[in-house]
C-alpha atoms as a PDB file:
ATOM      1  CA  MET A   1       0.000   0.000   0.000  1.00  0.00           C
ATOM      2  CA  ARG A   2       2.912   2.336   0.794  1.00  0.00           C
ATOM      3  CA  ARG A   3       4.175   2.021  -2.810  1.00  0.00           C
ATOM      4  CA  LEU A   4       0.821   3.100  -4.256  1.00  0.00           C
ATOM      5  CA  ILE A   5       0.239   5.914  -1.752  1.00  0.00           C
ATOM      6  CA  PRO A   6       3.688   6.929  -0.451  1.00  0.00           C
ATOM      7  CA  PHE A   7       2.396  10.047   1.327  1.00  0.00           C
ATOM      8  CA  PRO A   8      -1.189   9.407   2.466  1.00  0.00           C
ATOM      9  CA  TRP A   9      -1.680  12.771   4.184  1.00  0.00           C
ATOM     10  CA  MET A  10      -0.638  14.631   1.056  1.00  0.00           C
ATOM     11  CA  SER A  11      -2.941  12.457  -1.064  1.00  0.00           C
ATOM     12  CA  LEU A  12      -5.857  13.096   1.263  1.00  0.00           C
ATOM     13  CA  SER A  13      -5.081  16.833   1.328  1.00  0.00           C
ATOM     14  CA  LEU A  14      -5.046  17.000  -2.463  1.00  0.00           C
ATOM     15  CA  LEU A  15      -8.373  15.154  -2.652  1.00  0.00           C
ATOM     16  CA  VAL A  16      -9.994  17.499  -0.121  1.00  0.00           C
ATOM     17  CA  LEU A  17      -8.539  20.550  -1.868  1.00  0.00           C
ATOM     18  CA  TRP A  18      -9.877  19.348  -5.229  1.00  0.00           C
ATOM     19  CA  LEU A  19     -13.342  18.813  -3.776  1.00  0.00           C
ATOM     20  CA  LEU A  20     -13.308  22.213  -2.100  1.00  0.00           C
ATOM     21  CA  LEU A  21     -12.207  23.975  -5.287  1.00  0.00           C
ATOM     22  CA  ASN A  22     -14.987  22.298  -7.263  1.00  0.00           C
ATOM     23  CA  GLN A  23     -17.547  22.665  -4.461  1.00  0.00           C
ATOM     24  CA  SER A  24     -18.915  19.252  -5.323  1.00  0.00           C
ATOM     25  CA  ILE A  25     -18.709  15.644  -4.159  1.00  0.00           C
ATOM     26  CA  GLU A  26     -20.044  14.147  -7.384  1.00  0.00           C
ATOM     27  CA  PRO A  27     -18.504  10.783  -8.333  1.00  0.00           C
ATOM     28  CA  VAL A  28     -16.508  12.299 -11.194  1.00  0.00           C
ATOM     29  CA  HIS A  29     -14.894  14.818  -8.830  1.00  0.00           C
ATOM     30  CA  LEU A  30     -14.221  12.132  -6.212  1.00  0.00           C
ATOM     31  CA  LEU A  31     -12.597   9.921  -8.867  1.00  0.00           C
ATOM     32  CA  PHE A  32     -10.482  12.692 -10.373  1.00  0.00           C
ATOM     33  CA  GLY A  33      -9.485  14.009  -6.938  1.00  0.00           C
ATOM     34  CA  THR A  34      -8.433  10.507  -5.896  1.00  0.00           C
ATOM     35  CA  CYS A  35      -6.386  10.087  -9.080  1.00  0.00           C
ATOM     36  CA  LEU A  36      -4.820  13.487  -8.491  1.00  0.00           C
ATOM     37  CA  GLY A  37      -4.082  12.600  -4.862  1.00  0.00           C
ATOM     38  CA  ILE A  38      -2.368   9.354  -5.869  1.00  0.00           C
ATOM     39  CA  ALA A  39      -0.538  10.530  -9.010  1.00  0.00           C
ATOM     40  CA  THR A  40       0.919  13.811  -7.732  1.00  0.00           C
ATOM     41  CA  PRO A  41       2.946  12.334  -4.826  1.00  0.00           C
ATOM     42  CA  LEU A  42       4.144   9.486  -7.050  1.00  0.00           C
ATOM     43  CA  LEU A  43       5.295  11.865  -9.781  1.00  0.00           C
ATOM     44  CA  THR A  44       6.954  14.312  -7.380  1.00  0.00           C
ATOM     45  CA  ARG A  45       8.651  11.682  -5.189  1.00  0.00           C
ATOM     46  CA  LYS A  46      12.020  12.262  -6.919  1.00  0.00           C
ATOM     47  CA  LEU A  47      11.902  15.959  -5.997  1.00  0.00           C
ATOM     48  CA  GLN A  48      12.329  15.026  -2.324  1.00  0.00           C
ATOM     49  CA  PRO A  49      15.773  13.339  -2.226  1.00  0.00           C
ATOM     50  CA  LEU A  50      15.833  13.381   1.595  1.00  0.00           C
ATOM     51  CA  GLY A  51      12.219  12.249   1.958  1.00  0.00           C
ATOM     52  CA  TYR A  52       9.543  14.224   3.690  1.00  0.00           C
ATOM     53  CA  PRO A  53      10.534  15.656   7.072  1.00  0.00           C
ATOM     54  CA  ARG A  54       9.066  14.395  10.311  1.00  0.00           C
ATOM     55  CA  LEU A  55       7.914  17.090  12.703  1.00  0.00           C
ATOM     56  CA  ALA A  56       9.360  16.201  16.088  1.00  0.00           C
ATOM     57  CA  LYS A  57       7.224  18.729  17.970  1.00  0.00           C
ATOM     58  CA  PRO A  58       3.987  19.697  16.197  1.00  0.00           C
ATOM     59  CA  ILE A  59       2.861  21.936  19.095  1.00  0.00           C
ATOM     60  CA  THR A  60       6.090  23.930  18.803  1.00  0.00           C
ATOM     61  CA  PHE A  61       5.527  24.129  15.036  1.00  0.00           C
ATOM     62  CA  ALA A  62       1.975  25.463  15.503  1.00  0.00           C
ATOM     63  CA  ARG A  63       3.223  27.993  18.071  1.00  0.00           C
ATOM     64  CA  LEU A  64       5.978  29.104  15.677  1.00  0.00           C
ATOM     65  CA  LEU A  65       3.527  29.595  12.813  1.00  0.00           C
ATOM     66  CA  SER A  66       1.078  31.560  14.967  1.00  0.00           C
ATOM     67  CA  MET A  67       3.868  33.772  16.292  1.00  0.00           C
ATOM     68  CA  ALA A  68       5.150  34.281  12.735  1.00  0.00           C
ATOM     69  CA  LEU A  69       1.674  35.272  11.566  1.00  0.00           C
ATOM     70  CA  VAL A  70       1.483  37.940  14.270  1.00  0.00           C
ATOM     71  CA  GLU A  71       4.971  39.148  13.333  1.00  0.00           C
ATOM     72  CA  ILE A  72       4.033  39.321   9.634  1.00  0.00           C
ATOM     73  CA  VAL A  73       0.951  41.445  10.355  1.00  0.00           C
ATOM     74  CA  ARG A  74       2.887  43.716  12.726  1.00  0.00           C
ATOM     75  CA  SER A  75       5.696  44.130  10.218  1.00  0.00           C
ATOM     76  CA  CYS A  76       3.231  44.804   7.399  1.00  0.00           C
ATOM     77  CA  ILE A  77       1.721  47.663   9.364  1.00  0.00           C
ATOM     78  CA  SER A  78       5.157  49.010  10.271  1.00  0.00           C
ATOM     79  CA  VAL A  79       6.491  48.883   6.701  1.00  0.00           C
ATOM     80  CA  SER A  80       3.290  50.472   5.370  1.00  0.00           C
ATOM     81  CA  ARG A  81       3.656  53.300   7.867  1.00  0.00           C
ATOM     82  CA  ILE A  82       7.283  53.841   6.824  1.00  0.00           C
ATOM     83  CA  ILE A  83       6.443  53.841   3.117  1.00  0.00           C
ATOM     84  CA  LEU A  84       3.516  56.214   3.512  1.00  0.00           C
ATOM     85  CA  PHE A  85       4.802  58.667   6.097  1.00  0.00           C
ATOM     86  CA  ALA A  86       8.588  58.495   6.552  1.00  0.00           C
ATOM     87  CA  LYS A  87      11.031  60.685   4.707  1.00  0.00           C
ATOM     88  CA  PRO A  88      13.531  58.745   2.568  1.00  0.00           C
ATOM     89  CA  ALA A  89      16.459  60.086   4.588  1.00  0.00           C
ATOM     90  CA  GLU A  90      14.981  58.567   7.783  1.00  0.00           C
ATOM     91  CA  VAL A  91      14.961  54.990   6.440  1.00  0.00           C
ATOM     92  CA  LYS A  92      18.107  53.025   7.310  1.00  0.00           C
ATOM     93  CA  SER A  93      18.120  50.103   4.877  1.00  0.00           C
ATOM     94  CA  GLN A  94      21.095  47.786   5.515  1.00  0.00           C
ATOM     95  CA  PHE A  95      22.480  44.279   5.230  1.00  0.00           C
ATOM     96  CA  ILE A  96      23.300  42.325   8.378  1.00  0.00           C
ATOM     97  CA  LYS A  97      24.875  38.950   9.078  1.00  0.00           C
ATOM     98  CA  VAL A  98      23.200  36.499  11.436  1.00  0.00           C
ATOM     99  CA  PRO A  99      25.245  33.482  12.636  1.00  0.00           C
ATOM    100  CA  LEU A 100      23.211  30.288  12.282  1.00  0.00           C
ATOM    101  CA  ASP A 101      23.317  27.089  14.324  1.00  0.00           C
ATOM    102  CA  ILE A 102      20.672  25.227  12.314  1.00  0.00           C
ATOM    103  CA  ARG A 103      22.006  22.833   9.659  1.00  0.00           C
ATOM    104  CA  ASN A 104      18.911  20.840   8.659  1.00  0.00           C
ATOM    105  CA  PRO A 105      17.930  21.700   5.052  1.00  0.00           C
ATOM    106  CA  TYR A 106      14.211  21.642   5.892  1.00  0.00           C
ATOM    107  CA  GLY A 107      14.766  23.907   8.880  1.00  0.00           C
ATOM    108  CA  LEU A 108      16.766  26.308   6.720  1.00  0.00           C
ATOM    109  CA  ALA A 109      14.043  26.282   4.067  1.00  0.00           C
ATOM    110  CA  MET A 110      11.380  27.006   6.696  1.00  0.00           C
ATOM    111  CA  LEU A 111      13.512  29.803   8.157  1.00  0.00           C
ATOM    112  CA  SER A 112      13.865  31.258   4.662  1.00  0.00           C
ATOM    113  CA  CYS A 113      10.089  31.148   4.141  1.00  0.00           C
ATOM    114  CA  LEU A 114       9.433  32.833   7.483  1.00  0.00           C
ATOM    115  CA  ILE A 115      11.966  35.594   6.889  1.00  0.00           C
ATOM    116  CA  ASN A 116      10.901  36.281   3.303  1.00  0.00           C
ATOM    117  CA  SER A 117       7.216  36.311   4.293  1.00  0.00           C
ATOM    118  CA  THR A 118       7.863  39.099   6.754  1.00  0.00           C
ATOM    119  CA  PRO A 119       7.661  42.502   5.038  1.00  0.00           C
ATOM    120  CA  GLY A 120      10.845  44.508   5.344  1.00  0.00           C
ATOM    121  CA  THR A 121      13.227  41.542   5.432  1.00  0.00           C
ATOM    122  CA  VAL A 122      14.832  39.520   2.636  1.00  0.00           C
ATOM    123  CA  TRP A 123      16.985  36.408   2.949  1.00  0.00           C
ATOM    124  CA  VAL A 124      19.947  37.127   0.666  1.00  0.00           C
ATOM    125  CA  GLU A 125      22.202  34.076   1.046  1.00  0.00           C
ATOM    126  CA  ILE A 126      23.974  31.764   3.445  1.00  0.00           C
ATOM    127  CA  LEU A 127      27.677  32.522   3.652  1.00  0.00           C
ATOM    128  CA  ASP A 128      29.097  28.989   3.720  1.00  0.00           C
ATOM    129  CA  ASP A 129      32.497  29.812   5.193  1.00  0.00           C
ATOM    130  CA  LYS A 130      31.027  30.931   8.547  1.00  0.00           C
ATOM    131  CA  HIS A 131      27.467  29.581   8.122  1.00  0.00           C
ATOM    132  CA  GLU A 132      26.016  33.043   8.453  1.00  0.00           C
ATOM    133  CA  LEU A 133      22.793  34.352   7.005  1.00  0.00           C
ATOM    134  CA  ALA A 134      23.078  37.539   4.955  1.00  0.00           C
ATOM    135  CA  LEU A 135      19.847  39.417   5.540  1.00  0.00           C
ATOM    136  CA  HIS A 136      18.569  42.712   4.162  1.00  0.00           C
ATOM    137  CA  VAL A 137      16.462  44.793   6.554  1.00  0.00           C
ATOM    138  CA  PHE A 138      14.349  47.628   5.155  1.00  0.00           C
ATOM    139  CA  ASP A 139      14.530  49.864   8.232  1.00  0.00           C
ATOM    140  CA  LEU A 140      17.327  48.832  10.598  1.00  0.00           C
ATOM    141  CA  HIS A 141      17.523  50.511  13.986  1.00  0.00           C
ATOM    142  CA  ASP A 142      19.192  47.833  16.117  1.00  0.00           C
ATOM    143  CA  GLU A 143      21.228  45.056  14.485  1.00  0.00           C
ATOM    144  CA  GLN A 144      21.599  43.076  17.720  1.00  0.00           C
ATOM    145  CA  TRP A 145      17.813  43.031  18.206  1.00  0.00           C
ATOM    146  CA  TRP A 146      17.392  41.460  14.751  1.00  0.00           C
ATOM    147  CA  ILE A 147      20.027  38.813  15.456  1.00  0.00           C
ATOM    148  CA  GLU A 148      18.446  37.911  18.806  1.00  0.00           C
ATOM    149  CA  THR A 149      14.960  37.878  17.268  1.00  0.00           C
ATOM    150  CA  ILE A 150      15.898  35.538  14.433  1.00  0.00           C
ATOM    151  CA  LYS A 151      17.911  33.233  16.663  1.00  0.00           C
ATOM    152  CA  GLY A 152      15.390  33.198  19.528  1.00  0.00           C
ATOM    153  CA  ARG A 153      12.004  33.375  17.828  1.00  0.00           C
ATOM    154  CA  TYR A 154      12.711  31.442  14.646  1.00  0.00           C
ATOM    155  CA  GLU A 155      15.915  29.418  14.726  1.00  0.00           C
ATOM    156  CA  LYS A 156      15.582  27.911  18.211  1.00  0.00           C
ATOM    157  CA  PRO A 157      12.069  26.453  17.620  1.00  0.00           C
ATOM    158  CA  LEU A 158      13.114  25.217  14.159  1.00  0.00           C
ATOM    159  CA  ILE A 159      16.066  23.369  15.670  1.00  0.00           C
ATOM    160  CA  GLU A 160      13.651  21.710  18.142  1.00  0.00           C
ATOM    161  CA  ILE A 161      11.262  20.782  15.333  1.00  0.00           C
ATOM    162  CA  PHE A 162      13.644  19.500  12.646  1.00  0.00           C
ATOM    163  CA  GLU A 163      16.817  18.351  14.397  1.00  0.00           C
END
């Protein structure tokens, strides 16, 4: 059974998503959604060379996502205020380097998604020689605060979840 449906949760999610998008549970939609749910994971299996990650602590993951959502909304309001009302000379846009302890590729990918989803920040690259994250901040006031925020709020929970 595992060979036919290698990732059952993904297959079920695709079926439910298909039914929701079509707003119907007619047999044709059930059949096509099932085919879609079985075929997509089989065809994309080679894109996951390390396999799908196991979440060690789902509660920590949910807490991280909820905290990130609050941070995204707060940052969106802050960046909007800066764009609308601040004078260009007042904005201190800079690059910073954040030393990283996380090594798991899935944890790094999740950290990248969280940082790039937050308005005003952009993940530039990982500097391999020191394993530092090069980050661009739209309005930088305190570099140390950014380093502590990324390491404490994002990196530490991701290490618990993925490593």
